[in-house]
Amino acid sequence: MYPDVRNATIKGKSALSLIDTDWKIKEFTPRVQKRGAEIIDLRGASSAASAASAAIDHMRDWALGSNEWQSAGILTDGSLYGVPANLIFSFPVTSEGGNFKVVKGLNNDDELTVASIKKTTDELLGER
């Protein structure tokens, strides 16, 4: 998992202009990647309730629609962000009428994003 803050805003300003790159790479990204384990440590119990809540929110947005970006595992056709065909890969999406629409045209050419997409792609290809 890779939290992409390049397209996020905080109070209408670009998140990248408000956060330190070193903090993003060394602290924020690893913490997001390990958030399930952190929830278990903090609660002393399974993170299943948190995952269930996220699943409910996702299903609500899928069924009722949302212009807010979400992440969804989409079967790739090879045309999205350099990810090869026939993988289930997480992309930013919006939803309407029970259908997802991938957010296209995002700039993913910075070093961390390229490396993160490649790492995930290689892991999925290795598992296939």
Protein backbone atom coordinates (compact mmCIF):
# COMPACT_ATOMS: atom_id res chain seq x y z
CA MET A 1 0.00 0.00 0.00
CA TYR A 2 1.15 3.48 -0.84
CA PRO A 3 -0.60 6.63 0.38
CA ASP A 4 -0.56 9.11 -2.49
CA VAL A 5 -0.74 12.58 -0.98
CA ARG A 6 0.23 14.37 -4.20
CA ASN A 7 -3.41 14.81 -5.15
CA ALA A 8 -4.68 15.53 -1.63
CA THR A 9 -5.59 18.92 -0.24
CA ILE A 10 -5.66 20.30 3.29
CA LYS A 11 -8.00 23.26 3.75
CA GLY A 12 -7.88 23.89 0.00
CA LYS A 13 -4.08 23.83 -0.27
CA SER A 14 -1.93 21.15 -1.84
CA ALA A 15 -0.92 18.66 0.85
CA LEU A 16 2.57 18.48 -0.67
CA SER A 17 3.08 22.18 -0.03
CA LEU A 18 2.24 21.70 3.65
CA ILE A 19 4.17 18.55 4.59
CA ASP A 20 7.84 17.68 4.71
CA THR A 21 8.92 15.17 2.04
CA ASP A 22 11.28 13.39 4.44
CA TRP A 23 8.43 12.96 6.97
CA LYS A 24 6.13 11.65 4.20
CA ILE A 25 8.65 9.01 3.12
CA LYS A 26 10.14 7.97 6.48
CA GLU A 27 7.20 8.32 8.88
CA PHE A 28 3.81 8.77 7.23
CA THR A 29 4.03 6.15 4.48
CA PRO A 30 5.34 3.33 6.73
CA ARG A 31 2.72 4.16 9.37
CA VAL A 32 -0.12 3.96 6.84
CA GLN A 33 1.30 0.69 5.53
CA LYS A 34 1.28 -0.77 9.04
CA ARG A 35 -1.99 0.72 10.28
CA GLY A 36 -3.71 -2.65 10.75
CA ALA A 37 -1.00 -3.77 13.16
CA GLU A 38 -1.17 -0.41 14.94
CA ILE A 39 -4.91 -0.80 15.47
CA ILE A 40 -4.35 -4.26 16.94
CA ASP A 41 -1.65 -2.90 19.25
CA LEU A 42 -3.81 0.01 20.42
CA ARG A 43 -7.01 -1.97 20.91
CA GLY A 44 -5.42 -5.17 22.08
CA ALA A 45 -7.81 -6.91 19.73
CA SER A 46 -8.42 -7.64 16.08
CA SER A 47 -8.65 -4.84 13.54
CA ALA A 48 -11.68 -6.59 12.01
CA ALA A 49 -14.11 -3.91 13.25
CA SER A 50 -12.10 -1.20 11.50
CA ALA A 51 -11.95 -3.25 8.31
CA ALA A 52 -15.69 -3.98 8.52
CA SER A 53 -16.46 -0.28 8.94
CA ALA A 54 -14.34 0.54 5.89
CA ALA A 55 -16.12 -2.18 3.88
CA ILE A 56 -19.53 -0.77 4.86
CA ASP A 57 -18.46 2.74 3.82
CA HIS A 58 -17.14 1.39 0.52
CA MET A 59 -20.35 -0.51 -0.25
CA ARG A 60 -22.45 2.56 0.63
CA ASP A 61 -20.47 4.73 -1.77
CA TRP A 62 -20.62 2.05 -4.46
CA ALA A 63 -24.40 1.63 -4.17
CA LEU A 64 -25.34 5.28 -3.63
CA GLY A 65 -22.55 6.92 -5.59
CA SER A 66 -19.87 9.37 -4.54
CA ASN A 67 -17.77 12.01 -6.25
CA GLU A 68 -15.21 11.61 -3.47
CA TRP A 69 -12.21 9.55 -4.48
CA GLN A 70 -12.03 6.04 -3.08
CA SER A 71 -9.74 3.13 -3.78
CA ALA A 72 -11.11 0.02 -5.44
CA GLY A 73 -9.54 -3.17 -6.70
CA ILE A 74 -10.15 -3.17 -10.45
CA LEU A 75 -9.35 -5.92 -12.96
CA THR A 76 -6.79 -4.21 -15.17
CA ASP A 77 -6.83 -4.18 -18.94
CA GLY A 78 -3.27 -2.85 -19.29
CA SER A 79 -4.30 0.73 -20.08
CA LEU A 80 -4.22 2.26 -16.59
CA TYR A 81 -1.13 3.89 -15.09
CA GLY A 82 1.29 1.37 -16.58
CA VAL A 83 -0.14 -1.60 -14.69
CA PRO A 84 -0.21 -4.75 -16.86
CA ALA A 85 -3.45 -6.51 -17.82
CA ASN A 86 -5.21 -9.14 -15.74
CA LEU A 87 -4.26 -8.01 -12.26
CA ILE A 88 -6.63 -6.84 -9.53
CA PHE A 89 -5.03 -3.49 -8.69
CA SER A 90 -6.21 -0.61 -6.51
CA PHE A 91 -7.00 2.59 -8.36
CA PRO A 92 -8.61 5.88 -7.35
CA VAL A 93 -12.26 5.79 -8.38
CA THR A 94 -15.54 7.63 -8.12
CA SER A 95 -18.84 5.78 -8.21
CA GLU A 96 -22.32 6.23 -9.60
CA GLY A 97 -25.22 3.86 -10.01
CA GLY A 98 -23.28 0.85 -8.78
CA ASN A 99 -20.40 1.43 -11.18
CA PHE A 100 -16.87 2.61 -10.53
CA LYS A 101 -15.11 5.08 -12.78
CA VAL A 102 -11.31 5.19 -12.52
CA VAL A 103 -9.87 8.66 -11.99
CA LYS A 104 -7.61 9.07 -15.01
CA GLY A 105 -4.86 11.48 -15.92
CA LEU A 106 -3.08 11.66 -12.57
CA ASN A 107 0.62 12.44 -12.72
CA ASN A 108 2.41 9.43 -11.26
CA ASP A 109 5.93 10.12 -12.45
CA ASP A 110 7.67 10.97 -9.17
CA GLU A 111 10.25 8.48 -7.91
CA LEU A 112 8.29 7.22 -4.88
CA THR A 113 5.08 6.63 -6.84
CA VAL A 114 6.85 4.85 -9.69
CA ALA A 115 8.72 2.63 -7.22
CA SER A 116 5.57 1.89 -5.21
CA ILE A 117 3.49 0.95 -8.26
CA LYS A 118 6.34 -1.23 -9.54
CA LYS A 119 6.77 -2.96 -6.18
CA THR A 120 3.06 -3.72 -5.92
CA THR A 121 2.89 -4.87 -9.53
CA ASP A 122 5.91 -7.18 -9.07
CA GLU A 123 4.38 -8.64 -5.86
CA LEU A 124 1.06 -9.32 -7.62
CA LEU A 125 2.77 -10.87 -10.64
CA GLY A 126 4.85 -13.04 -8.30
CA GLU A 127 1.72 -14.22 -6.48
CA ARG A 128 -0.09 -14.98 -9.74
